[in-house]
Amino acid sequence: MQSDLPPGVELSIGQQFEIERFTRAIDATADPEQLRHLAKQLLQAWHTQKAATQWVTSQQA
């Protein structure tokens, strides 16, 4: 999965474990409602991270 990252960007061991944890949770889930809930959690986490990254970037300017 790290090959999808821009050059110079690396995931920490903790981030790699979180990816593996969510991957296994997705693979183990057959219930569409659970998958929807998991997708919403991931969407929230992704946008929260984007907002945090934008804030940090703006503070460095």
PDB file of N, CA and C in Angstrom:
ATOM      1  N   MET A   1       0.822  -1.203   0.000  1.00  0.00           N
ATOM      2  CA  MET A   1       0.000   0.000   0.000  1.00  0.00           C
ATOM      3  C   MET A   1       0.860   1.258   0.000  1.00  0.00           C
ATOM      4  N   GLN A   2       2.038   1.190   0.546  1.00  0.00           N
ATOM      5  CA  GLN A   2       2.876   2.377   0.592  1.00  0.00           C
ATOM      6  C   GLN A   2       3.267   2.870  -0.787  1.00  0.00           C
ATOM      7  N   SER A   3       3.186   2.032  -1.806  1.00  0.00           N
ATOM      8  CA  SER A   3       3.560   2.469  -3.145  1.00  0.00           C
ATOM      9  C   SER A   3       2.620   3.552  -3.674  1.00  0.00           C
ATOM     10  N   ASP A   4       1.442   3.703  -3.064  1.00  0.00           N
ATOM     11  CA  ASP A   4       0.494   4.736  -3.478  1.00  0.00           C
ATOM     12  C   ASP A   4       0.831   6.101  -2.892  1.00  0.00           C
ATOM     13  N   LEU A   5       1.820   6.159  -2.030  1.00  0.00           N
ATOM     14  CA  LEU A   5       2.181   7.411  -1.362  1.00  0.00           C
ATOM     15  C   LEU A   5       3.123   8.237  -2.234  1.00  0.00           C
ATOM     16  N   PRO A   6       3.041   9.550  -2.085  1.00  0.00           N
ATOM     17  CA  PRO A   6       3.984  10.406  -2.828  1.00  0.00           C
ATOM     18  C   PRO A   6       5.427  10.134  -2.374  1.00  0.00           C
ATOM     19  N   PRO A   7       6.383  10.416  -3.236  1.00  0.00           N
ATOM     20  CA  PRO A   7       7.794  10.204  -2.864  1.00  0.00           C
ATOM     21  C   PRO A   7       8.137  10.958  -1.577  1.00  0.00           C
ATOM     22  N   GLY A   8       8.858  10.296  -0.698  1.00  0.00           N
ATOM     23  CA  GLY A   8       9.284  10.914   0.549  1.00  0.00           C
ATOM     24  C   GLY A   8       8.287  10.791   1.685  1.00  0.00           C
ATOM     25  N   VAL A   9       7.085  10.293   1.415  1.00  0.00           N
ATOM     26  CA  VAL A   9       6.067  10.127   2.442  1.00  0.00           C
ATOM     27  C   VAL A   9       6.038   8.657   2.852  1.00  0.00           C
ATOM     28  N   GLU A  10       6.150   8.402   4.147  1.00  0.00           N
ATOM     29  CA  GLU A  10       6.128   7.033   4.645  1.00  0.00           C
ATOM     30  C   GLU A  10       5.127   6.925   5.778  1.00  0.00           C
ATOM     31  N   LEU A  11       4.494   5.767   5.869  1.00  0.00           N
ATOM     32  CA  LEU A  11       3.570   5.503   6.964  1.00  0.00           C
ATOM     33  C   LEU A  11       4.351   4.997   8.170  1.00  0.00           C
ATOM     34  N   SER A  12       3.925   5.424   9.341  1.00  0.00           N
ATOM     35  CA  SER A  12       4.540   4.910  10.562  1.00  0.00           C
ATOM     36  C   SER A  12       4.078   3.471  10.769  1.00  0.00           C
ATOM     37  N   ILE A  13       4.726   2.770  11.650  1.00  0.00           N
ATOM     38  CA  ILE A  13       4.319   1.400  11.985  1.00  0.00           C
ATOM     39  C   ILE A  13       2.878   1.419  12.503  1.00  0.00           C
ATOM     40  N   GLY A  14       2.537   2.393  13.328  1.00  0.00           N
ATOM     41  CA  GLY A  14       1.182   2.502  13.855  1.00  0.00           C
ATOM     42  C   GLY A  14       0.156   2.698  12.750  1.00  0.00           C
ATOM     43  N   GLN A  15       0.490   3.518  11.764  1.00  0.00           N
ATOM     44  CA  GLN A  15      -0.421   3.740  10.639  1.00  0.00           C
ATOM     45  C   GLN A  15      -0.575   2.469   9.814  1.00  0.00           C
ATOM     46  N   GLN A  16       0.520   1.757   9.618  1.00  0.00           N
ATOM     47  CA  GLN A  16       0.446   0.500   8.880  1.00  0.00           C
ATOM     48  C   GLN A  16      -0.445  -0.515   9.605  1.00  0.00           C
ATOM     49  N   PHE A  17      -0.334  -0.568  10.931  1.00  0.00           N
ATOM     50  CA  PHE A  17      -1.186  -1.473  11.706  1.00  0.00           C
ATOM     51  C   PHE A  17      -2.655  -1.066  11.610  1.00  0.00           C
ATOM     52  N   GLU A  18      -2.933   0.235  11.619  1.00  0.00           N
ATOM     53  CA  GLU A  18      -4.316   0.700  11.496  1.00  0.00           C
ATOM     54  C   GLU A  18      -4.901   0.320  10.136  1.00  0.00           C
ATOM     55  N   ILE A  19      -4.102   0.458   9.092  1.00  0.00           N
ATOM     56  CA  ILE A  19      -4.555   0.054   7.761  1.00  0.00           C
ATOM     57  C   ILE A  19      -4.871  -1.442   7.753  1.00  0.00           C
ATOM     58  N   GLU A  20      -3.986  -2.213   8.319  1.00  0.00           N
ATOM     59  CA  GLU A  20      -4.207  -3.662   8.374  1.00  0.00           C
ATOM     60  C   GLU A  20      -5.452  -3.988   9.197  1.00  0.00           C
ATOM     61  N   ARG A  21      -5.647  -3.287  10.299  1.00  0.00           N
ATOM     62  CA  ARG A  21      -6.813  -3.532  11.153  1.00  0.00           C
ATOM     63  C   ARG A  21      -8.113  -3.238  10.401  1.00  0.00           C
ATOM     64  N   PHE A  22      -8.172  -2.102   9.727  1.00  0.00           N
ATOM     65  CA  PHE A  22      -9.371  -1.756   8.966  1.00  0.00           C
ATOM     66  C   PHE A  22      -9.558  -2.691   7.771  1.00  0.00           C
ATOM     67  N   THR A  23      -8.463  -3.083   7.128  1.00  0.00           N
ATOM     68  CA  THR A  23      -8.554  -4.012   6.001  1.00  0.00           C
ATOM     69  C   THR A  23      -9.171  -5.326   6.445  1.00  0.00           C
ATOM     70  N   ARG A  24      -8.713  -5.825   7.582  1.00  0.00           N
ATOM     71  CA  ARG A  24      -9.262  -7.084   8.095  1.00  0.00           C
ATOM     72  C   ARG A  24     -10.722  -6.927   8.508  1.00  0.00           C
ATOM     73  N   ALA A  25     -11.066  -5.789   9.085  1.00  0.00           N
ATOM     74  CA  ALA A  25     -12.451  -5.543   9.473  1.00  0.00           C
ATOM     75  C   ALA A  25     -13.355  -5.503   8.246  1.00  0.00           C
ATOM     76  N   ILE A  26     -12.894  -4.861   7.197  1.00  0.00           N
ATOM     77  CA  ILE A  26     -13.677  -4.798   5.957  1.00  0.00           C
ATOM     78  C   ILE A  26     -13.832  -6.200   5.366  1.00  0.00           C
ATOM     79  N   ASP A  27     -12.733  -6.939   5.297  1.00  0.00           N
ATOM     80  CA  ASP A  27     -12.775  -8.280   4.727  1.00  0.00           C
ATOM     81  C   ASP A  27     -13.687  -9.219   5.517  1.00  0.00           C
ATOM     82  N   ALA A  28     -13.779  -9.003   6.826  1.00  0.00           N
ATOM     83  CA  ALA A  28     -14.577  -9.884   7.678  1.00  0.00           C
ATOM     84  C   ALA A  28     -16.049  -9.489   7.741  1.00  0.00           C
ATOM     85  N   THR A  29     -16.408  -8.383   7.129  1.00  0.00           N
ATOM     86  CA  THR A  29     -17.776  -7.872   7.241  1.00  0.00           C
ATOM     87  C   THR A  29     -18.587  -8.212   6.004  1.00  0.00           C
ATOM     88  N   ALA A  30     -19.675  -8.947   6.223  1.00  0.00           N
ATOM     89  CA  ALA A  30     -20.583  -9.285   5.122  1.00  0.00           C
ATOM     90  C   ALA A  30     -21.865  -8.458   5.200  1.00  0.00           C
ATOM     91  N   ASP A  31     -22.118  -7.852   6.349  1.00  0.00           N
ATOM     92  CA  ASP A  31     -23.340  -7.087   6.565  1.00  0.00           C
ATOM     93  C   ASP A  31     -23.223  -5.708   5.904  1.00  0.00           C
ATOM     94  N   PRO A  32     -24.092  -5.404   4.945  1.00  0.00           N
ATOM     95  CA  PRO A  32     -24.018  -4.109   4.256  1.00  0.00           C
ATOM     96  C   PRO A  32     -24.133  -2.909   5.207  1.00  0.00           C
ATOM     97  N   GLU A  33     -24.929  -3.018   6.244  1.00  0.00           N
ATOM     98  CA  GLU A  33     -25.065  -1.906   7.193  1.00  0.00           C
ATOM     99  C   GLU A  33     -23.757  -1.660   7.934  1.00  0.00           C
ATOM    100  N   GLN A  34     -23.072  -2.714   8.323  1.00  0.00           N
ATOM    101  CA  GLN A  34     -21.772  -2.568   8.982  1.00  0.00           C
ATOM    102  C   GLN A  34     -20.745  -1.959   8.028  1.00  0.00           C
ATOM    103  N   LEU A  35     -20.785  -2.388   6.774  1.00  0.00           N
ATOM    104  CA  LEU A  35     -19.860  -1.824   5.789  1.00  0.00           C
ATOM    105  C   LEU A  35     -20.119  -0.340   5.571  1.00  0.00           C
ATOM    106  N   ARG A  36     -21.386   0.060   5.540  1.00  0.00           N
ATOM    107  CA  ARG A  36     -21.725   1.483   5.418  1.00  0.00           C
ATOM    108  C   ARG A  36     -21.171   2.260   6.604  1.00  0.00           C
ATOM    109  N   HIS A  37     -21.358   1.718   7.807  1.00  0.00           N
ATOM    110  CA  HIS A  37     -20.865   2.385   9.014  1.00  0.00           C
ATOM    111  C   HIS A  37     -19.340   2.524   8.963  1.00  0.00           C
ATOM    112  N   LEU A  38     -18.664   1.465   8.565  1.00  0.00           N
ATOM    113  CA  LEU A  38     -17.209   1.493   8.466  1.00  0.00           C
ATOM    114  C   LEU A  38     -16.754   2.506   7.415  1.00  0.00           C
ATOM    115  N   ALA A  39     -17.446   2.538   6.275  1.00  0.00           N
ATOM    116  CA  ALA A  39     -17.109   3.496   5.221  1.00  0.00           C
ATOM    117  C   ALA A  39     -17.266   4.933   5.716  1.00  0.00           C
ATOM    118  N   LYS A  40     -18.313   5.189   6.488  1.00  0.00           N
ATOM    119  CA  LYS A  40     -18.527   6.540   7.030  1.00  0.00           C
ATOM    120  C   LYS A  40     -17.428   6.909   8.023  1.00  0.00           C
ATOM    121  N   GLN A  41     -16.999   5.945   8.836  1.00  0.00           N
ATOM    122  CA  GLN A  41     -15.897   6.207   9.767  1.00  0.00           C
ATOM    123  C   GLN A  41     -14.623   6.556   9.007  1.00  0.00           C
ATOM    124  N   LEU A  42     -14.340   5.801   7.957  1.00  0.00           N
ATOM    125  CA  LEU A  42     -13.136   6.052   7.167  1.00  0.00           C
ATOM    126  C   LEU A  42     -13.204   7.392   6.449  1.00  0.00           C
ATOM    127  N   LEU A  43     -14.379   7.737   5.936  1.00  0.00           N
ATOM    128  CA  LEU A  43     -14.564   9.021   5.282  1.00  0.00           C
ATOM    129  C   LEU A  43     -14.323  10.173   6.262  1.00  0.00           C
ATOM    130  N   GLN A  44     -14.870  10.044   7.461  1.00  0.00           N
ATOM    131  CA  GLN A  44     -14.670  11.058   8.497  1.00  0.00           C
ATOM    132  C   GLN A  44     -13.183  11.189   8.846  1.00  0.00           C
ATOM    133  N   ALA A  45     -12.510  10.058   9.022  1.00  0.00           N
ATOM    134  CA  ALA A  45     -11.082  10.076   9.357  1.00  0.00           C
ATOM    135  C   ALA A  45     -10.263  10.711   8.241  1.00  0.00           C
ATOM    136  N   TRP A  46     -10.592  10.390   7.002  1.00  0.00           N
ATOM    137  CA  TRP A  46      -9.864  10.936   5.862  1.00  0.00           C
ATOM    138  C   TRP A  46     -10.003  12.454   5.800  1.00  0.00           C
ATOM    139  N   HIS A  47     -11.226  12.955   5.940  1.00  0.00           N
ATOM    140  CA  HIS A  47     -11.434  14.399   5.849  1.00  0.00           C
ATOM    141  C   HIS A  47     -10.874  15.134   7.075  1.00  0.00           C
ATOM    142  N   THR A  48     -10.915  14.493   8.221  1.00  0.00           N
ATOM    143  CA  THR A  48     -10.294  15.085   9.410  1.00  0.00           C
ATOM    144  C   THR A  48      -8.798  15.231   9.200  1.00  0.00           C
ATOM    145  N   GLN A  49      -8.181  14.199   8.638  1.00  0.00           N
ATOM    146  CA  GLN A  49      -6.745  14.243   8.366  1.00  0.00           C
ATOM    147  C   GLN A  49      -6.419  15.309   7.324  1.00  0.00           C
ATOM    148  N   LYS A  50      -7.238  15.419   6.286  1.00  0.00           N
ATOM    149  CA  LYS A  50      -7.019  16.457   5.278  1.00  0.00           C
ATOM    150  C   LYS A  50      -7.087  17.849   5.905  1.00  0.00           C
ATOM    151  N   ALA A  51      -8.075  18.069   6.761  1.00  0.00           N
ATOM    152  CA  ALA A  51      -8.226  19.369   7.414  1.00  0.00           C
ATOM    153  C   ALA A  51      -7.025  19.658   8.307  1.00  0.00           C
ATOM    154  N   ALA A  52      -6.565  18.657   9.030  1.00  0.00           N
ATOM    155  CA  ALA A  52      -5.404  18.844   9.911  1.00  0.00           C
ATOM    156  C   ALA A  52      -4.158  19.158   9.085  1.00  0.00           C
ATOM    157  N   THR A  53      -3.985  18.464   7.988  1.00  0.00           N
ATOM    158  CA  THR A  53      -2.834  18.714   7.115  1.00  0.00           C
ATOM    159  C   THR A  53      -2.885  20.131   6.547  1.00  0.00           C
ATOM    160  N   GLN A  54      -4.049  20.561   6.100  1.00  0.00           N
ATOM    161  CA  GLN A  54      -4.192  21.915   5.577  1.00  0.00           C
ATOM    162  C   GLN A  54      -3.899  22.958   6.657  1.00  0.00           C
ATOM    163  N   TRP A  55      -4.352  22.694   7.881  1.00  0.00           N
ATOM    164  CA  TRP A  55      -4.099  23.636   8.969  1.00  0.00           C
ATOM    165  C   TRP A  55      -2.598  23.734   9.262  1.00  0.00           C
ATOM    166  N   VAL A  56      -1.931  22.581   9.346  1.00  0.00           N
ATOM    167  CA  VAL A  56      -0.492  22.589   9.605  1.00  0.00           C
ATOM    168  C   VAL A  56       0.240  23.326   8.490  1.00  0.00           C
ATOM    169  N   THR A  57      -0.142  23.066   7.259  1.00  0.00           N
ATOM    170  CA  THR A  57       0.490  23.731   6.119  1.00  0.00           C
ATOM    171  C   THR A  57       0.292  25.238   6.188  1.00  0.00           C
ATOM    172  N   SER A  58      -0.897  25.675   6.553  1.00  0.00           N
ATOM    173  CA  SER A  58      -1.164  27.117   6.634  1.00  0.00           C
ATOM    174  C   SER A  58      -0.405  27.778   7.778  1.00  0.00           C
ATOM    175  N   GLN A  59      -0.107  27.036   8.834  1.00  0.00           N
ATOM    176  CA  GLN A  59       0.630  27.577   9.967  1.00  0.00           C
ATOM    177  C   GLN A  59       2.120  27.761   9.628  1.00  0.00           C
ATOM    178  N   GLN A  60       2.587  26.999   8.666  1.00  0.00           N
ATOM    179  CA  GLN A  60       4.000  27.078   8.284  1.00  0.00           C
ATOM    180  C   GLN A  60       4.249  28.183   7.282  1.00  0.00           C
ATOM    181  N   ALA A  61       3.224  28.709   6.697  1.00  0.00           N
ATOM    182  CA  ALA A  61       3.375  29.758   5.673  1.00  0.00           C
ATOM    183  C   ALA A  61       3.697  31.091   6.270  1.00  0.00           C
TER     184      ALA A  61
END
